[in-house]
């Protein structure tokens, strides 16, 4: 496995759902700019755009897809609907996990997935059953590294009983504060690398939002309670406090937020959803070596 770039290019916007208005040409330019800047790590999932994110990423990368690290996720099934949002169901049964791996291989046009995460724990399937199946898929050469996403410390320990877990993906950001010591200790004990997502808390930690900010219907923030009414006003006050804290450390809020996450123990990379070249240039420039 290649050394992962500290910035992981978040490809959820490529799915065209929940990320607001997306210009595919701009994201394409951003991916090529990311490659020029040394970014070699791309994060997607089968559920992003119901397979569309994986297909588009593969097409944009072309043959370069074999020279980078693509992480994808499974364990979610869906039913398409023309009248409303698709229904997504957690399903990490061995049959479903095998199906998801094979479908991701087809959509990404890869012979082996560099990293495959179980996207969310499935309460209806014993965790060890899922991870024994992933071990089989690894032994078959269909996946290189096994990961968990959104697992609690107890769920992570259960997964480790079945096989080596290589990566754990969790939401980690400055707004939420101190990271869970118990998870960090479990990662250290089991040689698990952390990958952080929601590093900028849906854009709040960019410092670019204010009380007048509005979000289109196709942006998930239009549905999140945190971005409405008093909760939004209160969180903006906290953001201002963090901005002042960042200035005292000679940083912008954006730089301070990203590097705070990168300083967490066992942290390998931060996933940042990117929609244009300016964003990837800015984020890469802020990383402290």
C-alpha atoms as a PDB file:
ATOM      1  CA  UNK A   1       0.000   0.000   0.000  1.00  0.00           C
ATOM      2  CA  UNK A   2       1.296   3.467  -0.921  1.00  0.00           C
ATOM      3  CA  UNK A   3       1.785   6.111   1.759  1.00  0.00           C
ATOM      4  CA  UNK A   4      -1.475   8.028   1.895  1.00  0.00           C
ATOM      5  CA  UNK A   5      -1.539  11.761   1.251  1.00  0.00           C
ATOM      6  CA  UNK A   6      -2.668  13.750   4.278  1.00  0.00           C
ATOM      7  CA  UNK A   7      -5.516  15.180   2.250  1.00  0.00           C
ATOM      8  CA  UNK A   8      -7.988  12.614   0.973  1.00  0.00           C
ATOM      9  CA  UNK A   9     -10.177  13.853  -1.877  1.00  0.00           C
ATOM     10  CA  UNK A  10     -13.772  13.294  -0.770  1.00  0.00           C
ATOM     11  CA  UNK A  11     -15.807  12.159  -3.780  1.00  0.00           C
ATOM     12  CA  UNK A  12     -19.325  12.276  -2.378  1.00  0.00           C
ATOM     13  CA  UNK A  13     -20.078  15.386  -4.496  1.00  0.00           C
ATOM     14  CA  UNK A  14     -19.421  13.268  -7.604  1.00  0.00           C
ATOM     15  CA  UNK A  15     -22.607  11.389  -6.752  1.00  0.00           C
ATOM     16  CA  UNK A  16     -24.627  14.550  -7.310  1.00  0.00           C
ATOM     17  CA  UNK A  17     -26.714  14.111  -4.151  1.00  0.00           C
ATOM     18  CA  UNK A  18     -26.717  16.060  -0.851  1.00  0.00           C
ATOM     19  CA  UNK A  19     -23.739  18.264  -1.749  1.00  0.00           C
ATOM     20  CA  UNK A  20     -25.622  21.199  -3.214  1.00  0.00           C
ATOM     21  CA  UNK A  21     -25.139  22.349  -6.779  1.00  0.00           C
ATOM     22  CA  UNK A  22     -22.281  20.455  -8.408  1.00  0.00           C
ATOM     23  CA  UNK A  23     -20.443  21.209 -11.669  1.00  0.00           C
ATOM     24  CA  UNK A  24     -18.946  17.968 -12.976  1.00  0.00           C
ATOM     25  CA  UNK A  25     -16.432  19.823 -15.144  1.00  0.00           C
ATOM     26  CA  UNK A  26     -15.171  21.718 -12.110  1.00  0.00           C
ATOM     27  CA  UNK A  27     -14.784  18.546 -10.027  1.00  0.00           C
ATOM     28  CA  UNK A  28     -12.943  16.903 -12.924  1.00  0.00           C
ATOM     29  CA  UNK A  29     -10.489  19.816 -13.010  1.00  0.00           C
ATOM     30  CA  UNK A  30     -10.146  19.577  -9.231  1.00  0.00           C
ATOM     31  CA  UNK A  31      -9.259  15.874  -9.362  1.00  0.00           C
ATOM     32  CA  UNK A  32      -6.513  16.514 -11.911  1.00  0.00           C
ATOM     33  CA  UNK A  33      -5.238  19.451  -9.867  1.00  0.00           C
ATOM     34  CA  UNK A  34      -5.215  17.227  -6.774  1.00  0.00           C
ATOM     35  CA  UNK A  35      -3.060  14.689  -8.606  1.00  0.00           C
ATOM     36  CA  UNK A  36      -0.673  17.490  -9.630  1.00  0.00           C
ATOM     37  CA  UNK A  37      -0.428  18.535  -5.962  1.00  0.00           C
ATOM     38  CA  UNK A  38       0.483  15.030  -4.803  1.00  0.00           C
ATOM     39  CA  UNK A  39      -2.918  13.867  -3.550  1.00  0.00           C
ATOM     40  CA  UNK A  40      -3.075  10.101  -4.072  1.00  0.00           C
ATOM     41  CA  UNK A  41      -6.024   9.178  -1.857  1.00  0.00           C
ATOM     42  CA  UNK A  42      -9.669   9.273  -2.977  1.00  0.00           C
ATOM     43  CA  UNK A  43     -12.702   8.358  -0.872  1.00  0.00           C
ATOM     44  CA  UNK A  44     -16.025   7.245  -2.311  1.00  0.00           C
ATOM     45  CA  UNK A  45     -18.840   4.773  -1.527  1.00  0.00           C
ATOM     46  CA  UNK A  46     -21.311   2.624  -3.363  1.00  0.00           C
ATOM     47  CA  UNK A  47     -24.192   4.612  -1.901  1.00  0.00           C
ATOM     48  CA  UNK A  48     -22.888   8.021  -3.090  1.00  0.00           C
ATOM     49  CA  UNK A  49     -25.213   8.781  -5.965  1.00  0.00           C
ATOM     50  CA  UNK A  50     -26.228   5.100  -5.882  1.00  0.00           C
ATOM     51  CA  UNK A  51     -23.035   4.043  -7.654  1.00  0.00           C
ATOM     52  CA  UNK A  52     -22.582   7.216  -9.696  1.00  0.00           C
ATOM     53  CA  UNK A  53     -19.679   8.590  -7.654  1.00  0.00           C
ATOM     54  CA  UNK A  54     -17.629   5.413  -8.206  1.00  0.00           C
ATOM     55  CA  UNK A  55     -18.378   5.353 -11.943  1.00  0.00           C
ATOM     56  CA  UNK A  56     -17.507   9.012 -12.424  1.00  0.00           C
ATOM     57  CA  UNK A  57     -14.322   8.774 -10.366  1.00  0.00           C
ATOM     58  CA  UNK A  58     -13.124   5.822 -12.423  1.00  0.00           C
ATOM     59  CA  UNK A  59     -13.869   7.611 -15.685  1.00  0.00           C
ATOM     60  CA  UNK A  60     -12.113  10.820 -14.623  1.00  0.00           C
ATOM     61  CA  UNK A  61      -9.009   9.005 -13.376  1.00  0.00           C
ATOM     62  CA  UNK A  62      -8.793   6.700 -16.383  1.00  0.00           C
ATOM     63  CA  UNK A  63      -5.704   4.496 -16.237  1.00  0.00           C
ATOM     64  CA  UNK A  64      -4.432   6.584 -13.323  1.00  0.00           C
ATOM     65  CA  UNK A  65      -6.966   4.750 -11.151  1.00  0.00           C
ATOM     66  CA  UNK A  66      -4.330   2.027 -10.737  1.00  0.00           C
ATOM     67  CA  UNK A  67      -1.726   4.520  -9.483  1.00  0.00           C
ATOM     68  CA  UNK A  68      -3.751   5.983  -6.604  1.00  0.00           C
ATOM     69  CA  UNK A  69      -5.462   4.647  -3.479  1.00  0.00           C
ATOM     70  CA  UNK A  70      -9.231   4.479  -3.845  1.00  0.00           C
ATOM     71  CA  UNK A  71     -11.227   3.735  -0.718  1.00  0.00           C
ATOM     72  CA  UNK A  72     -14.850   2.762  -1.054  1.00  0.00           C
ATOM     73  CA  UNK A  73     -17.574   1.505   1.245  1.00  0.00           C
ATOM     74  CA  UNK A  74     -20.379  -1.041   1.287  1.00  0.00           C
ATOM     75  CA  UNK A  75     -22.920  -2.584   3.573  1.00  0.00           C
ATOM     76  CA  UNK A  76     -25.780  -0.352   2.430  1.00  0.00           C
ATOM     77  CA  UNK A  77     -28.440  -1.366  -0.061  1.00  0.00           C
ATOM     78  CA  UNK A  78     -30.973   0.914  -1.658  1.00  0.00           C
ATOM     79  CA  UNK A  79     -34.200   1.086  -3.574  1.00  0.00           C
ATOM     80  CA  UNK A  80     -34.418   3.819  -6.205  1.00  0.00           C
ATOM     81  CA  UNK A  81     -37.468   6.044  -6.270  1.00  0.00           C
ATOM     82  CA  UNK A  82     -38.448   8.670  -8.836  1.00  0.00           C
ATOM     83  CA  UNK A  83     -40.772  10.515  -6.462  1.00  0.00           C
ATOM     84  CA  UNK A  84     -38.690  10.773  -3.291  1.00  0.00           C
ATOM     85  CA  UNK A  85     -35.281  10.070  -1.774  1.00  0.00           C
ATOM     86  CA  UNK A  86     -34.132   6.491  -2.242  1.00  0.00           C
ATOM     87  CA  UNK A  87     -34.584   4.171   0.708  1.00  0.00           C
ATOM     88  CA  UNK A  88     -31.214   3.060   2.089  1.00  0.00           C
ATOM     89  CA  UNK A  89     -30.974  -0.038   4.284  1.00  0.00           C
ATOM     90  CA  UNK A  90     -28.018  -1.316   6.321  1.00  0.00           C
ATOM     91  CA  UNK A  91     -27.085  -4.815   5.147  1.00  0.00           C
ATOM     92  CA  UNK A  92     -23.672  -6.218   6.038  1.00  0.00           C
ATOM     93  CA  UNK A  93     -24.632  -9.869   5.655  1.00  0.00           C
ATOM     94  CA  UNK A  94     -21.892 -11.941   3.995  1.00  0.00           C
ATOM     95  CA  UNK A  95     -23.929 -12.206   0.779  1.00  0.00           C
ATOM     96  CA  UNK A  96     -24.510  -8.440   0.657  1.00  0.00           C
ATOM     97  CA  UNK A  97     -20.885  -7.572   1.452  1.00  0.00           C
ATOM     98  CA  UNK A  98     -19.614  -9.856  -1.314  1.00  0.00           C
ATOM     99  CA  UNK A  99     -22.120  -8.317  -3.726  1.00  0.00           C
ATOM    100  CA  UNK A 100     -21.047  -4.799  -2.752  1.00  0.00           C
ATOM    101  CA  UNK A 101     -17.353  -5.559  -3.222  1.00  0.00           C
ATOM    102  CA  UNK A 102     -17.946  -7.085  -6.639  1.00  0.00           C
ATOM    103  CA  UNK A 103     -20.192  -4.209  -7.745  1.00  0.00           C
ATOM    104  CA  UNK A 104     -17.618  -1.636  -6.617  1.00  0.00           C
ATOM    105  CA  UNK A 105     -14.909  -3.487  -8.543  1.00  0.00           C
ATOM    106  CA  UNK A 106     -17.060  -3.257 -11.681  1.00  0.00           C
ATOM    107  CA  UNK A 107     -17.987   0.406 -11.250  1.00  0.00           C
ATOM    108  CA  UNK A 108     -14.412   1.453 -10.420  1.00  0.00           C
ATOM    109  CA  UNK A 109     -12.936  -0.840 -13.104  1.00  0.00           C
ATOM    110  CA  UNK A 110     -10.415  -2.293 -10.666  1.00  0.00           C
ATOM    111  CA  UNK A 111      -9.236  -5.844 -10.081  1.00  0.00           C
ATOM    112  CA  UNK A 112      -8.639  -5.187  -6.388  1.00  0.00           C
ATOM    113  CA  UNK A 113     -10.059  -2.513  -4.071  1.00  0.00           C
ATOM    114  CA  UNK A 114      -7.214  -0.798  -2.146  1.00  0.00           C
ATOM    115  CA  UNK A 115      -9.475  -0.100   0.865  1.00  0.00           C
ATOM    116  CA  UNK A 116     -12.990  -1.357   1.524  1.00  0.00           C
ATOM    117  CA  UNK A 117     -14.936  -0.124   4.557  1.00  0.00           C
ATOM    118  CA  UNK A 118     -18.143  -1.375   6.091  1.00  0.00           C
ATOM    119  CA  UNK A 119     -19.981   1.946   5.866  1.00  0.00           C
ATOM    120  CA  UNK A 120     -22.197   1.560   8.960  1.00  0.00           C
ATOM    121  CA  UNK A 121     -22.564  -1.273  11.473  1.00  0.00           C
ATOM    122  CA  UNK A 122     -25.568  -3.489  10.752  1.00  0.00           C
ATOM    123  CA  UNK A 123     -27.443  -4.393  13.932  1.00  0.00           C
ATOM    124  CA  UNK A 124     -29.046  -7.397  12.229  1.00  0.00           C
ATOM    125  CA  UNK A 125     -25.788  -9.111  11.238  1.00  0.00           C
ATOM    126  CA  UNK A 126     -23.147 -10.398  13.692  1.00  0.00           C
ATOM    127  CA  UNK A 127     -20.064  -8.271  13.130  1.00  0.00           C
ATOM    128  CA  UNK A 128     -17.711 -11.240  12.995  1.00  0.00           C
ATOM    129  CA  UNK A 129     -19.768 -12.801  10.174  1.00  0.00           C
ATOM    130  CA  UNK A 130     -19.249  -9.663   8.102  1.00  0.00           C
ATOM    131  CA  UNK A 131     -15.530  -9.502   8.723  1.00  0.00           C
ATOM    132  CA  UNK A 132     -14.914 -13.198   8.168  1.00  0.00           C
ATOM    133  CA  UNK A 133     -16.406 -12.644   4.711  1.00  0.00           C
ATOM    134  CA  UNK A 134     -14.145  -9.636   4.162  1.00  0.00           C
ATOM    135  CA  UNK A 135     -11.166 -11.792   5.107  1.00  0.00           C
ATOM    136  CA  UNK A 136     -12.234 -14.319   2.457  1.00  0.00           C
ATOM    137  CA  UNK A 137     -12.492 -11.524  -0.111  1.00  0.00           C
ATOM    138  CA  UNK A 138      -9.038 -10.296   0.883  1.00  0.00           C
ATOM    139  CA  UNK A 139      -7.590 -13.784   0.491  1.00  0.00           C
ATOM    140  CA  UNK A 140      -9.230 -13.948  -2.949  1.00  0.00           C
ATOM    141  CA  UNK A 141      -7.378 -10.776  -3.947  1.00  0.00           C
ATOM    142  CA  UNK A 142     -10.504  -8.643  -4.294  1.00  0.00           C
ATOM    143  CA  UNK A 143      -9.638  -6.202  -1.512  1.00  0.00           C
ATOM    144  CA  UNK A 144      -6.264  -5.142  -0.145  1.00  0.00           C
ATOM    145  CA  UNK A 145      -7.175  -3.484   3.165  1.00  0.00           C
ATOM    146  CA  UNK A 146     -10.209  -3.799   5.429  1.00  0.00           C
ATOM    147  CA  UNK A 147     -11.847  -0.884   7.190  1.00  0.00           C
ATOM    148  CA  UNK A 148     -14.723   0.131   9.460  1.00  0.00           C
ATOM    149  CA  UNK A 149     -16.665   3.355   9.246  1.00  0.00           C
ATOM    150  CA  UNK A 150     -18.793   4.809  12.059  1.00  0.00           C
ATOM    151  CA  UNK A 151     -18.079   1.874  14.409  1.00  0.00           C
ATOM    152  CA  UNK A 152     -18.112   2.274  18.192  1.00  0.00           C
ATOM    153  CA  UNK A 153     -15.126   1.031  20.170  1.00  0.00           C
ATOM    154  CA  UNK A 154     -16.947  -2.190  21.116  1.00  0.00           C
ATOM    155  CA  UNK A 155     -17.990  -2.826  17.518  1.00  0.00           C
ATOM    156  CA  UNK A 156     -14.418  -2.212  16.397  1.00  0.00           C
ATOM    157  CA  UNK A 157     -13.075  -4.719  18.932  1.00  0.00           C
ATOM    158  CA  UNK A 158     -15.587  -7.283  17.712  1.00  0.00           C
ATOM    159  CA  UNK A 159     -14.444  -6.795  14.120  1.00  0.00           C
ATOM    160  CA  UNK A 160     -10.821  -7.252  15.191  1.00  0.00           C
ATOM    161  CA  UNK A 161     -11.666 -10.715  16.537  1.00  0.00           C
ATOM    162  CA  UNK A 162     -12.364 -11.867  12.976  1.00  0.00           C
ATOM    163  CA  UNK A 163      -9.477 -10.274  11.068  1.00  0.00           C
ATOM    164  CA  UNK A 164      -6.952  -7.465  10.979  1.00  0.00           C
ATOM    165  CA  UNK A 165      -8.780  -4.167  10.597  1.00  0.00           C
ATOM    166  CA  UNK A 166      -6.511  -1.689   8.833  1.00  0.00           C
ATOM    167  CA  UNK A 167      -8.528   1.534   8.879  1.00  0.00           C
ATOM    168  CA  UNK A 168     -11.230   3.196  10.956  1.00  0.00           C
ATOM    169  CA  UNK A 169     -13.122   6.144   9.475  1.00  0.00           C
ATOM    170  CA  UNK A 170     -14.890   8.496  11.893  1.00  0.00           C
ATOM    171  CA  UNK A 171     -16.215  12.075  12.032  1.00  0.00           C
ATOM    172  CA  UNK A 172     -13.549  14.097  13.849  1.00  0.00           C
ATOM    173  CA  UNK A 173     -13.459  17.872  14.044  1.00  0.00           C
ATOM    174  CA  UNK A 174     -12.475  20.807  16.199  1.00  0.00           C
ATOM    175  CA  UNK A 175     -16.086  21.766  16.907  1.00  0.00           C
ATOM    176  CA  UNK A 176     -16.816  18.381  18.495  1.00  0.00           C
ATOM    177  CA  UNK A 177     -13.657  18.659  20.577  1.00  0.00           C
ATOM    178  CA  UNK A 178     -11.396  16.079  22.205  1.00  0.00           C
ATOM    179  CA  UNK A 179     -11.228  12.719  20.481  1.00  0.00           C
ATOM    180  CA  UNK A 180     -12.288   9.493  22.226  1.00  0.00           C
ATOM    181  CA  UNK A 181      -9.252   8.113  24.128  1.00  0.00           C
ATOM    182  CA  UNK A 182     -10.652   4.584  24.250  1.00  0.00           C
ATOM    183  CA  UNK A 183     -10.930   4.388  20.468  1.00  0.00           C
ATOM    184  CA  UNK A 184      -7.449   5.843  20.108  1.00  0.00           C
ATOM    185  CA  UNK A 185      -6.028   3.211  22.474  1.00  0.00           C
ATOM    186  CA  UNK A 186      -7.824   0.414  20.612  1.00  0.00           C
ATOM    187  CA  UNK A 187      -6.394   1.682  17.321  1.00  0.00           C
ATOM    188  CA  UNK A 188      -2.879   1.773  18.770  1.00  0.00           C
ATOM    189  CA  UNK A 189      -3.198  -1.748  20.187  1.00  0.00           C
ATOM    190  CA  UNK A 190      -4.475  -3.177  16.908  1.00  0.00           C
ATOM    191  CA  UNK A 191      -2.321  -1.099  14.499  1.00  0.00           C
ATOM    192  CA  UNK A 192      -5.381   0.606  13.000  1.00  0.00           C
ATOM    193  CA  UNK A 193      -4.997   3.909  11.155  1.00  0.00           C
ATOM    194  CA  UNK A 194      -7.615   6.613  11.582  1.00  0.00           C
ATOM    195  CA  UNK A 195      -9.188   8.432   8.667  1.00  0.00           C
ATOM    196  CA  UNK A 196     -11.228  11.504   9.591  1.00  0.00           C
ATOM    197  CA  UNK A 197     -14.303  12.774   7.804  1.00  0.00           C
ATOM    198  CA  UNK A 198     -16.591  15.765   8.419  1.00  0.00           C
ATOM    199  CA  UNK A 199     -13.398  17.565   9.375  1.00  0.00           C
ATOM    200  CA  UNK A 200     -14.966  20.957   8.639  1.00  0.00           C
ATOM    201  CA  UNK A 201     -18.388  20.090  10.131  1.00  0.00           C
ATOM    202  CA  UNK A 202     -20.338  20.575   6.905  1.00  0.00           C
ATOM    203  CA  UNK A 203     -18.491  23.786   6.096  1.00  0.00           C
ATOM    204  CA  UNK A 204     -18.930  25.509   9.456  1.00  0.00           C
ATOM    205  CA  UNK A 205     -15.189  25.423  10.168  1.00  0.00           C
ATOM    206  CA  UNK A 206     -14.333  27.156   6.906  1.00  0.00           C
ATOM    207  CA  UNK A 207     -15.541  30.340   8.611  1.00  0.00           C
ATOM    208  CA  UNK A 208     -17.461  31.278   5.477  1.00  0.00           C
ATOM    209  CA  UNK A 209     -21.000  30.789   6.826  1.00  0.00           C
ATOM    210  CA  UNK A 210     -23.094  33.368   8.674  1.00  0.00           C
ATOM    211  CA  UNK A 211     -26.677  33.877   9.856  1.00  0.00           C
ATOM    212  CA  UNK A 212     -27.741  34.800   6.327  1.00  0.00           C
ATOM    213  CA  UNK A 213     -26.424  31.572   4.773  1.00  0.00           C
ATOM    214  CA  UNK A 214     -29.076  29.491   3.021  1.00  0.00           C
ATOM    215  CA  UNK A 215     -28.857  26.044   1.452  1.00  0.00           C
ATOM    216  CA  UNK A 216     -30.617  24.589  -1.600  1.00  0.00           C
ATOM    217  CA  UNK A 217     -32.881  21.572  -1.239  1.00  0.00           C
ATOM    218  CA  UNK A 218     -30.205  19.284  -2.715  1.00  0.00           C
ATOM    219  CA  UNK A 219     -27.776  20.257   0.084  1.00  0.00           C
ATOM    220  CA  UNK A 220     -28.078  18.055   3.202  1.00  0.00           C
ATOM    221  CA  UNK A 221     -27.574  21.110   5.404  1.00  0.00           C
ATOM    222  CA  UNK A 222     -31.074  22.239   4.435  1.00  0.00           C
ATOM    223  CA  UNK A 223     -32.347  19.268   6.477  1.00  0.00           C
ATOM    224  CA  UNK A 224     -29.914  19.287   9.418  1.00  0.00           C
ATOM    225  CA  UNK A 225     -31.189  20.818  12.697  1.00  0.00           C
ATOM    226  CA  UNK A 226     -27.724  22.280  13.378  1.00  0.00           C
ATOM    227  CA  UNK A 227     -28.218  24.728  10.498  1.00  0.00           C
ATOM    228  CA  UNK A 228     -31.603  26.012  11.628  1.00  0.00           C
ATOM    229  CA  UNK A 229     -32.895  28.580  14.115  1.00  0.00           C
ATOM    230  CA  UNK A 230     -31.253  29.041  17.503  1.00  0.00           C
ATOM    231  CA  UNK A 231     -28.963  26.049  17.051  1.00  0.00           C
ATOM    232  CA  UNK A 232     -27.420  27.688  13.997  1.00  0.00           C
ATOM    233  CA  UNK A 233     -27.022  31.029  15.773  1.00  0.00           C
ATOM    234  CA  UNK A 234     -25.400  29.365  18.781  1.00  0.00           C
ATOM    235  CA  UNK A 235     -22.999  27.285  16.721  1.00  0.00           C
ATOM    236  CA  UNK A 236     -21.931  30.389  14.782  1.00  0.00           C
ATOM    237  CA  UNK A 237     -21.044  32.020  18.109  1.00  0.00           C
ATOM    238  CA  UNK A 238     -18.865  29.013  18.933  1.00  0.00           C
ATOM    239  CA  UNK A 239     -17.276  29.222  15.478  1.00  0.00           C
ATOM    240  CA  UNK A 240     -16.339  32.849  16.193  1.00  0.00           C
ATOM    241  CA  UNK A 241     -14.686  31.767  19.447  1.00  0.00           C
ATOM    242  CA  UNK A 242     -12.675  29.145  17.560  1.00  0.00           C
ATOM    243  CA  UNK A 243     -11.701  31.727  14.931  1.00  0.00           C
ATOM    244  CA  UNK A 244     -10.255  33.939  17.659  1.00  0.00           C
ATOM    245  CA  UNK A 245      -8.436  30.918  19.124  1.00  0.00           C
ATOM    246  CA  UNK A 246      -7.003  30.176  15.673  1.00  0.00           C
ATOM    247  CA  UNK A 247      -5.792  33.771  15.260  1.00  0.00           C
ATOM    248  CA  UNK A 248      -3.947  33.528  18.576  1.00  0.00           C
ATOM    249  CA  UNK A 249      -2.108  30.575  17.034  1.00  0.00           C
ATOM    250  CA  UNK A 250      -1.310  32.565  13.880  1.00  0.00           C
ATOM    251  CA  UNK A 251      -3.677  30.477  11.775  1.00  0.00           C
ATOM    252  CA  UNK A 252      -6.873  30.879   9.856  1.00  0.00           C
ATOM    253  CA  UNK A 253      -9.845  28.929  11.185  1.00  0.00           C
ATOM    254  CA  UNK A 254      -9.646  26.584   8.193  1.00  0.00           C
ATOM    255  CA  UNK A 255      -5.944  25.830   8.683  1.00  0.00           C
ATOM    256  CA  UNK A 256      -6.330  25.484  12.446  1.00  0.00           C
ATOM    257  CA  UNK A 257      -9.251  23.067  12.031  1.00  0.00           C
ATOM    258  CA  UNK A 258      -7.527  20.768   9.535  1.00  0.00           C
ATOM    259  CA  UNK A 259      -4.233  20.615  11.394  1.00  0.00           C
ATOM    260  CA  UNK A 260      -5.972  20.070  14.755  1.00  0.00           C
ATOM    261  CA  UNK A 261      -7.451  16.884  13.327  1.00  0.00           C
ATOM    262  CA  UNK A 262      -4.160  15.791  11.793  1.00  0.00           C
ATOM    263  CA  UNK A 263      -2.500  16.064  15.223  1.00  0.00           C
ATOM    264  CA  UNK A 264      -4.787  13.401  16.693  1.00  0.00           C
ATOM    265  CA  UNK A 265      -3.067  10.136  17.560  1.00  0.00           C
ATOM    266  CA  UNK A 266      -3.056   7.428  14.857  1.00  0.00           C
ATOM    267  CA  UNK A 267      -4.538   9.905  12.358  1.00  0.00           C
ATOM    268  CA  UNK A 268      -3.439   9.180   8.803  1.00  0.00           C
ATOM    269  CA  UNK A 269      -5.528  11.432   6.537  1.00  0.00           C
ATOM    270  CA  UNK A 270      -8.442  13.857   6.516  1.00  0.00           C
ATOM    271  CA  UNK A 271     -11.245  13.519   3.981  1.00  0.00           C
ATOM    272  CA  UNK A 272     -12.427  16.820   2.571  1.00  0.00           C
ATOM    273  CA  UNK A 273     -15.271  16.979   0.084  1.00  0.00           C
ATOM    274  CA  UNK A 274     -14.022  18.916  -2.924  1.00  0.00           C
ATOM    275  CA  UNK A 275     -16.122  20.634  -5.603  1.00  0.00           C
ATOM    276  CA  UNK A 276     -13.587  22.823  -7.431  1.00  0.00           C
ATOM    277  CA  UNK A 277      -9.876  23.418  -8.000  1.00  0.00           C
ATOM    278  CA  UNK A 278      -9.737  26.425  -5.681  1.00  0.00           C
ATOM    279  CA  UNK A 279     -10.782  24.252  -2.744  1.00  0.00           C
ATOM    280  CA  UNK A 280      -8.142  21.579  -3.294  1.00  0.00           C
ATOM    281  CA  UNK A 281      -5.418  24.197  -3.825  1.00  0.00           C
ATOM    282  CA  UNK A 282      -6.409  26.007  -0.628  1.00  0.00           C
ATOM    283  CA  UNK A 283      -6.663  22.869   1.483  1.00  0.00           C
ATOM    284  CA  UNK A 284      -3.342  21.424   0.293  1.00  0.00           C
ATOM    285  CA  UNK A 285      -1.590  24.728   0.986  1.00  0.00           C
ATOM    286  CA  UNK A 286      -2.720  24.705   4.606  1.00  0.00           C
ATOM    287  CA  UNK A 287      -1.166  21.385   5.606  1.00  0.00           C
ATOM    288  CA  UNK A 288       1.737  21.686   8.020  1.00  0.00           C
ATOM    289  CA  UNK A 289       4.525  19.224   7.264  1.00  0.00           C
END
